[in-house]
Amino acid sequence: MTKPFERHRQAWTTDEIQKLHALATKGVSLKAISKSLTRTEDSIKARAKLDKLKIAKKR
């Protein structure tokens, strides 16, 4: 059985940050970014805010 918060409180790697920037720039949705990086939507929002990134709204 997999733990729901397996990556809870883990530091962001350089690769993850680069991928977040690339996906956000392409206009990928928050949910899709969350799945791609296996992080929570709240974690994605927090990191995007730190990096001053805009995350696409749901359509």
N, C-alpha and C. Protein backbone atom coordinates (compact mmCIF):
# COMPACT_ATOMS: atom_id res chain seq x y z
N MET A 1 0.84 -1.18 0.00
CA MET A 1 0.00 0.00 0.00
C MET A 1 0.89 1.25 0.00
N THR A 2 0.59 2.20 -0.86
CA THR A 2 1.37 3.41 -0.98
C THR A 2 0.87 4.48 -0.01
N LYS A 3 1.80 5.18 0.60
CA LYS A 3 1.44 6.27 1.49
C LYS A 3 0.99 7.46 0.65
N PRO A 4 -0.07 8.16 1.05
CA PRO A 4 -0.56 9.27 0.25
C PRO A 4 0.41 10.46 0.21
N PHE A 5 1.23 10.65 1.24
CA PHE A 5 2.15 11.78 1.29
C PHE A 5 3.59 11.28 1.35
N GLU A 6 3.92 10.44 0.42
CA GLU A 6 5.24 9.83 0.35
C GLU A 6 6.35 10.87 0.29
N ARG A 7 6.11 11.98 -0.39
CA ARG A 7 7.14 13.00 -0.60
C ARG A 7 6.95 14.19 0.33
N HIS A 8 6.21 14.01 1.39
CA HIS A 8 5.89 15.10 2.31
C HIS A 8 7.14 15.79 2.84
N ARG A 9 7.19 17.10 2.64
CA ARG A 9 8.26 17.97 3.15
C ARG A 9 9.65 17.70 2.57
N GLN A 10 9.73 17.04 1.44
CA GLN A 10 11.03 16.83 0.81
C GLN A 10 11.43 18.08 0.05
N ALA A 11 12.70 18.38 0.08
CA ALA A 11 13.22 19.56 -0.63
C ALA A 11 13.07 19.38 -2.14
N TRP A 12 12.90 20.49 -2.83
CA TRP A 12 12.79 20.48 -4.29
C TRP A 12 14.18 20.29 -4.89
N THR A 13 14.28 19.41 -5.86
CA THR A 13 15.54 19.22 -6.56
C THR A 13 15.62 20.23 -7.71
N THR A 14 16.81 20.44 -8.21
CA THR A 14 17.01 21.35 -9.33
C THR A 14 16.23 20.88 -10.55
N ASP A 15 16.21 19.58 -10.79
CA ASP A 15 15.47 19.02 -11.92
C ASP A 15 13.97 19.28 -11.79
N GLU A 16 13.44 19.12 -10.59
CA GLU A 16 12.01 19.36 -10.37
C GLU A 16 11.66 20.83 -10.61
N ILE A 17 12.51 21.72 -10.15
CA ILE A 17 12.27 23.15 -10.34
C ILE A 17 12.29 23.50 -11.82
N GLN A 18 13.25 22.95 -12.55
CA GLN A 18 13.33 23.20 -14.00
C GLN A 18 12.10 22.67 -14.71
N LYS A 19 11.64 21.49 -14.31
CA LYS A 19 10.46 20.90 -14.92
C LYS A 19 9.22 21.74 -14.61
N LEU A 20 9.11 22.23 -13.37
CA LEU A 20 7.99 23.09 -12.98
C LEU A 20 7.98 24.34 -13.85
N HIS A 21 9.12 24.96 -14.03
CA HIS A 21 9.22 26.18 -14.86
C HIS A 21 8.80 25.88 -16.30
N ALA A 22 9.27 24.77 -16.83
CA ALA A 22 8.95 24.40 -18.22
C ALA A 22 7.45 24.16 -18.38
N LEU A 23 6.86 23.41 -17.46
CA LEU A 23 5.43 23.09 -17.55
C LEU A 23 4.57 24.34 -17.35
N ALA A 24 4.94 25.18 -16.41
CA ALA A 24 4.18 26.41 -16.16
C ALA A 24 4.25 27.34 -17.37
N THR A 25 5.40 27.42 -17.99
CA THR A 25 5.58 28.26 -19.17
C THR A 25 4.73 27.77 -20.34
N LYS A 26 4.56 26.45 -20.44
CA LYS A 26 3.74 25.87 -21.51
C LYS A 26 2.26 26.01 -21.24
N GLY A 27 1.88 26.43 -20.03
CA GLY A 27 0.47 26.61 -19.70
C GLY A 27 -0.22 25.35 -19.22
N VAL A 28 0.55 24.40 -18.69
CA VAL A 28 -0.01 23.15 -18.19
C VAL A 28 -0.77 23.44 -16.88
N SER A 29 -1.88 22.74 -16.67
CA SER A 29 -2.71 22.98 -15.49
C SER A 29 -2.02 22.52 -14.20
N LEU A 30 -2.49 23.06 -13.10
CA LEU A 30 -1.96 22.72 -11.78
C LEU A 30 -2.07 21.23 -11.50
N LYS A 31 -3.22 20.65 -11.82
CA LYS A 31 -3.44 19.23 -11.58
C LYS A 31 -2.46 18.36 -12.38
N ALA A 32 -2.23 18.72 -13.62
CA ALA A 32 -1.31 17.97 -14.47
C ALA A 32 0.13 18.10 -13.98
N ILE A 33 0.50 19.30 -13.55
CA ILE A 33 1.85 19.51 -13.01
C ILE A 33 2.02 18.68 -11.74
N SER A 34 1.00 18.67 -10.91
CA SER A 34 1.04 17.92 -9.66
C SER A 34 1.26 16.43 -9.93
N LYS A 35 0.56 15.89 -10.90
CA LYS A 35 0.73 14.47 -11.26
C LYS A 35 2.11 14.21 -11.83
N SER A 36 2.55 15.10 -12.67
CA SER A 36 3.85 14.94 -13.32
C SER A 36 5.01 14.95 -12.32
N LEU A 37 4.92 15.82 -11.33
CA LEU A 37 6.00 15.94 -10.35
C LEU A 37 5.76 15.11 -9.09
N THR A 38 4.64 14.43 -9.03
CA THR A 38 4.21 13.65 -7.85
C THR A 38 4.34 14.47 -6.56
N ARG A 39 3.79 15.67 -6.62
CA ARG A 39 3.71 16.55 -5.46
C ARG A 39 2.29 17.06 -5.35
N THR A 40 1.94 17.55 -4.17
CA THR A 40 0.58 18.06 -3.97
C THR A 40 0.40 19.38 -4.71
N GLU A 41 -0.85 19.71 -4.97
CA GLU A 41 -1.15 20.98 -5.63
C GLU A 41 -0.71 22.15 -4.75
N ASP A 42 -0.87 22.03 -3.44
CA ASP A 42 -0.44 23.08 -2.53
C ASP A 42 1.07 23.29 -2.60
N SER A 43 1.80 22.20 -2.72
CA SER A 43 3.26 22.29 -2.83
C SER A 43 3.65 22.99 -4.13
N ILE A 44 2.96 22.67 -5.20
CA ILE A 44 3.23 23.30 -6.50
C ILE A 44 2.93 24.81 -6.41
N LYS A 45 1.79 25.16 -5.81
CA LYS A 45 1.42 26.57 -5.68
C LYS A 45 2.46 27.33 -4.87
N ALA A 46 2.90 26.74 -3.78
CA ALA A 46 3.88 27.41 -2.91
C ALA A 46 5.19 27.64 -3.65
N ARG A 47 5.67 26.63 -4.38
CA ARG A 47 6.92 26.77 -5.11
C ARG A 47 6.78 27.78 -6.25
N ALA A 48 5.64 27.75 -6.92
CA ALA A 48 5.39 28.70 -8.02
C ALA A 48 5.38 30.13 -7.49
N LYS A 49 4.80 30.32 -6.32
CA LYS A 49 4.76 31.65 -5.72
C LYS A 49 6.18 32.13 -5.39
N LEU A 50 7.00 31.24 -4.85
CA LEU A 50 8.40 31.59 -4.55
C LEU A 50 9.16 32.01 -5.80
N ASP A 51 8.90 31.30 -6.89
CA ASP A 51 9.60 31.55 -8.16
C ASP A 51 8.88 32.56 -9.05
N LYS A 52 7.78 33.12 -8.54
CA LYS A 52 6.97 34.10 -9.28
C LYS A 52 6.49 33.56 -10.63
N LEU A 53 5.99 32.33 -10.60
CA LEU A 53 5.46 31.69 -11.80
C LEU A 53 3.93 31.79 -11.81
N LYS A 54 3.37 31.84 -12.99
CA LYS A 54 1.92 31.81 -13.15
C LYS A 54 1.53 30.39 -13.56
N ILE A 55 0.57 29.83 -12.85
CA ILE A 55 0.06 28.49 -13.16
C ILE A 55 -1.28 28.66 -13.87
N ALA A 56 -1.48 27.93 -14.94
CA ALA A 56 -2.71 28.03 -15.74
C ALA A 56 -3.93 27.65 -14.90
N LYS A 57 -5.00 28.38 -15.11
CA LYS A 57 -6.27 28.09 -14.45
C LYS A 57 -6.95 26.93 -15.16
N LYS A 58 -7.88 26.27 -14.44
CA LYS A 58 -8.66 25.18 -15.07
C LYS A 58 -9.52 25.78 -16.18
N ARG A 59 -9.68 25.01 -17.23
CA ARG A 59 -10.50 25.49 -18.36
C ARG A 59 -11.82 24.82 -18.38
